[in-house]
Amino acid sequence: MAGTEFCLFESTGGSQGRFTQIAFTVDDLDFTVTELRSRGVVFENYDLPGLSTVEGIALIDGNYPSKGTAERGAEFRDSEGT
């Protein structure tokens, strides 16, 4: 898995304790989302103040301080739905 990156950082929010999160960095988010969708992955869609998605992909303003601002992201749940 050449080029694989794992980032660990302290959250600024408080988890409700009902879930664990992990993030993956990919070279081409649009391609990756399309590929995972073709394999049955369902991406979450949001339309909230400060967070909305288009085709499951959101523009995330400053979510990962170590990476800068205006990242794009997509969220899905594990196979157990958590």
C-alpha atoms as a PDB file:
ATOM      1  CA  MET A   1       0.000   0.000   0.000  1.00  0.00           C
ATOM      2  CA  ALA A   2       2.546   2.529  -1.156  1.00  0.00           C
ATOM      3  CA  GLY A   3       1.558   6.083  -0.407  1.00  0.00           C
ATOM      4  CA  THR A   4      -0.881   5.055   2.319  1.00  0.00           C
ATOM      5  CA  GLU A   5      -1.184   7.642   5.060  1.00  0.00           C
ATOM      6  CA  PHE A   6      -2.663   7.296   8.533  1.00  0.00           C
ATOM      7  CA  CYS A   7      -3.382  10.487  10.477  1.00  0.00           C
ATOM      8  CA  LEU A   8      -4.133  10.548  14.172  1.00  0.00           C
ATOM      9  CA  PHE A   9      -5.190  13.742  15.882  1.00  0.00           C
ATOM     10  CA  GLU A  10      -7.023  14.797  18.980  1.00  0.00           C
ATOM     11  CA  SER A  11     -10.662  15.575  18.298  1.00  0.00           C
ATOM     12  CA  THR A  12     -11.962  19.006  19.185  1.00  0.00           C
ATOM     13  CA  GLY A  13     -15.465  17.592  19.662  1.00  0.00           C
ATOM     14  CA  GLY A  14     -16.946  15.099  22.043  1.00  0.00           C
ATOM     15  CA  SER A  15     -17.971  11.673  20.843  1.00  0.00           C
ATOM     16  CA  GLN A  16     -21.244  10.238  22.055  1.00  0.00           C
ATOM     17  CA  GLY A  17     -19.441   6.925  22.488  1.00  0.00           C
ATOM     18  CA  ARG A  18     -21.696   5.133  20.009  1.00  0.00           C
ATOM     19  CA  PHE A  19     -19.158   4.873  17.217  1.00  0.00           C
ATOM     20  CA  THR A  20     -15.518   4.831  16.184  1.00  0.00           C
ATOM     21  CA  GLN A  21     -14.240   6.879  13.258  1.00  0.00           C
ATOM     22  CA  ILE A  22     -11.428   6.300  10.811  1.00  0.00           C
ATOM     23  CA  ALA A  23     -10.401   8.401   7.824  1.00  0.00           C
ATOM     24  CA  PHE A  24      -8.734   7.324   4.601  1.00  0.00           C
ATOM     25  CA  THR A  25      -6.838   9.685   2.296  1.00  0.00           C
ATOM     26  CA  VAL A  26      -7.162   8.857  -1.410  1.00  0.00           C
ATOM     27  CA  ASP A  27      -5.668  10.397  -4.540  1.00  0.00           C
ATOM     28  CA  ASP A  28      -8.970  10.664  -6.453  1.00  0.00           C
ATOM     29  CA  LEU A  29     -12.073  10.974  -4.278  1.00  0.00           C
ATOM     30  CA  ASP A  30     -14.553  10.978  -7.181  1.00  0.00           C
ATOM     31  CA  PHE A  31     -13.090   7.759  -8.623  1.00  0.00           C
ATOM     32  CA  THR A  32     -12.942   6.103  -5.199  1.00  0.00           C
ATOM     33  CA  VAL A  33     -16.556   6.966  -4.356  1.00  0.00           C
ATOM     34  CA  THR A  34     -17.713   5.662  -7.754  1.00  0.00           C
ATOM     35  CA  GLU A  35     -15.719   2.456  -7.321  1.00  0.00           C
ATOM     36  CA  LEU A  36     -16.981   1.813  -3.785  1.00  0.00           C
ATOM     37  CA  ARG A  37     -20.564   2.592  -4.848  1.00  0.00           C
ATOM     38  CA  SER A  38     -20.252  -0.041  -7.593  1.00  0.00           C
ATOM     39  CA  ARG A  39     -19.382  -2.515  -4.823  1.00  0.00           C
ATOM     40  CA  GLY A  40     -22.478  -1.658  -2.782  1.00  0.00           C
ATOM     41  CA  VAL A  41     -21.178   1.005  -0.400  1.00  0.00           C
ATOM     42  CA  VAL A  42     -23.879   3.560   0.447  1.00  0.00           C
ATOM     43  CA  PHE A  43     -22.613   7.071   1.152  1.00  0.00           C
ATOM     44  CA  GLU A  44     -24.314   9.396   3.615  1.00  0.00           C
ATOM     45  CA  ASN A  45     -25.948  12.571   2.324  1.00  0.00           C
ATOM     46  CA  TYR A  46     -26.355  15.722   4.414  1.00  0.00           C
ATOM     47  CA  ASP A  47     -28.033  19.075   3.977  1.00  0.00           C
ATOM     48  CA  LEU A  48     -27.187  20.901   7.201  1.00  0.00           C
ATOM     49  CA  PRO A  49     -25.852  24.367   7.981  1.00  0.00           C
ATOM     50  CA  GLY A  50     -22.110  24.090   7.399  1.00  0.00           C
ATOM     51  CA  LEU A  51     -22.271  20.570   5.926  1.00  0.00           C
ATOM     52  CA  SER A  52     -23.953  19.510   2.727  1.00  0.00           C
ATOM     53  CA  THR A  53     -23.130  16.845   0.174  1.00  0.00           C
ATOM     54  CA  VAL A  54     -23.428  16.536  -3.586  1.00  0.00           C
ATOM     55  CA  GLU A  55     -23.631  12.896  -4.690  1.00  0.00           C
ATOM     56  CA  GLY A  56     -22.325  11.920  -1.247  1.00  0.00           C
ATOM     57  CA  ILE A  57     -19.259  14.207  -1.353  1.00  0.00           C
ATOM     58  CA  ALA A  58     -18.915  17.202   0.972  1.00  0.00           C
ATOM     59  CA  LEU A  59     -16.598  20.194   1.028  1.00  0.00           C
ATOM     60  CA  ILE A  60     -15.202  20.224   4.568  1.00  0.00           C
ATOM     61  CA  ASP A  61     -13.905  23.606   5.642  1.00  0.00           C
ATOM     62  CA  GLY A  62     -10.847  23.122   7.862  1.00  0.00           C
ATOM     63  CA  ASN A  63     -11.829  19.729   9.282  1.00  0.00           C
ATOM     64  CA  TYR A  64      -8.246  18.431   9.321  1.00  0.00           C
ATOM     65  CA  PRO A  65      -5.934  21.181  10.628  1.00  0.00           C
ATOM     66  CA  SER A  66      -2.783  19.266   9.658  1.00  0.00           C
ATOM     67  CA  LYS A  67      -3.953  19.180   6.033  1.00  0.00           C
ATOM     68  CA  GLY A  68      -5.075  22.774   5.601  1.00  0.00           C
ATOM     69  CA  THR A  69      -8.602  23.845   4.736  1.00  0.00           C
ATOM     70  CA  ALA A  70     -11.328  23.123   2.216  1.00  0.00           C
ATOM     71  CA  GLU A  71     -10.915  19.355   2.083  1.00  0.00           C
ATOM     72  CA  ARG A  72     -13.452  17.123   0.361  1.00  0.00           C
ATOM     73  CA  GLY A  73     -14.827  14.053   2.049  1.00  0.00           C
ATOM     74  CA  ALA A  74     -17.392  11.270   1.867  1.00  0.00           C
ATOM     75  CA  GLU A  75     -18.879   9.325   4.746  1.00  0.00           C
ATOM     76  CA  PHE A  76     -20.227   5.810   4.887  1.00  0.00           C
ATOM     77  CA  ARG A  77     -21.170   3.401   7.660  1.00  0.00           C
ATOM     78  CA  ASP A  78     -19.672  -0.010   8.217  1.00  0.00           C
ATOM     79  CA  SER A  79     -21.502  -3.146   7.102  1.00  0.00           C
ATOM     80  CA  GLU A  80     -23.250  -3.313  10.492  1.00  0.00           C
ATOM     81  CA  GLY A  81     -24.662   0.183   9.977  1.00  0.00           C
ATOM     82  CA  THR A  82     -22.825   1.840  12.857  1.00  0.00           C
END
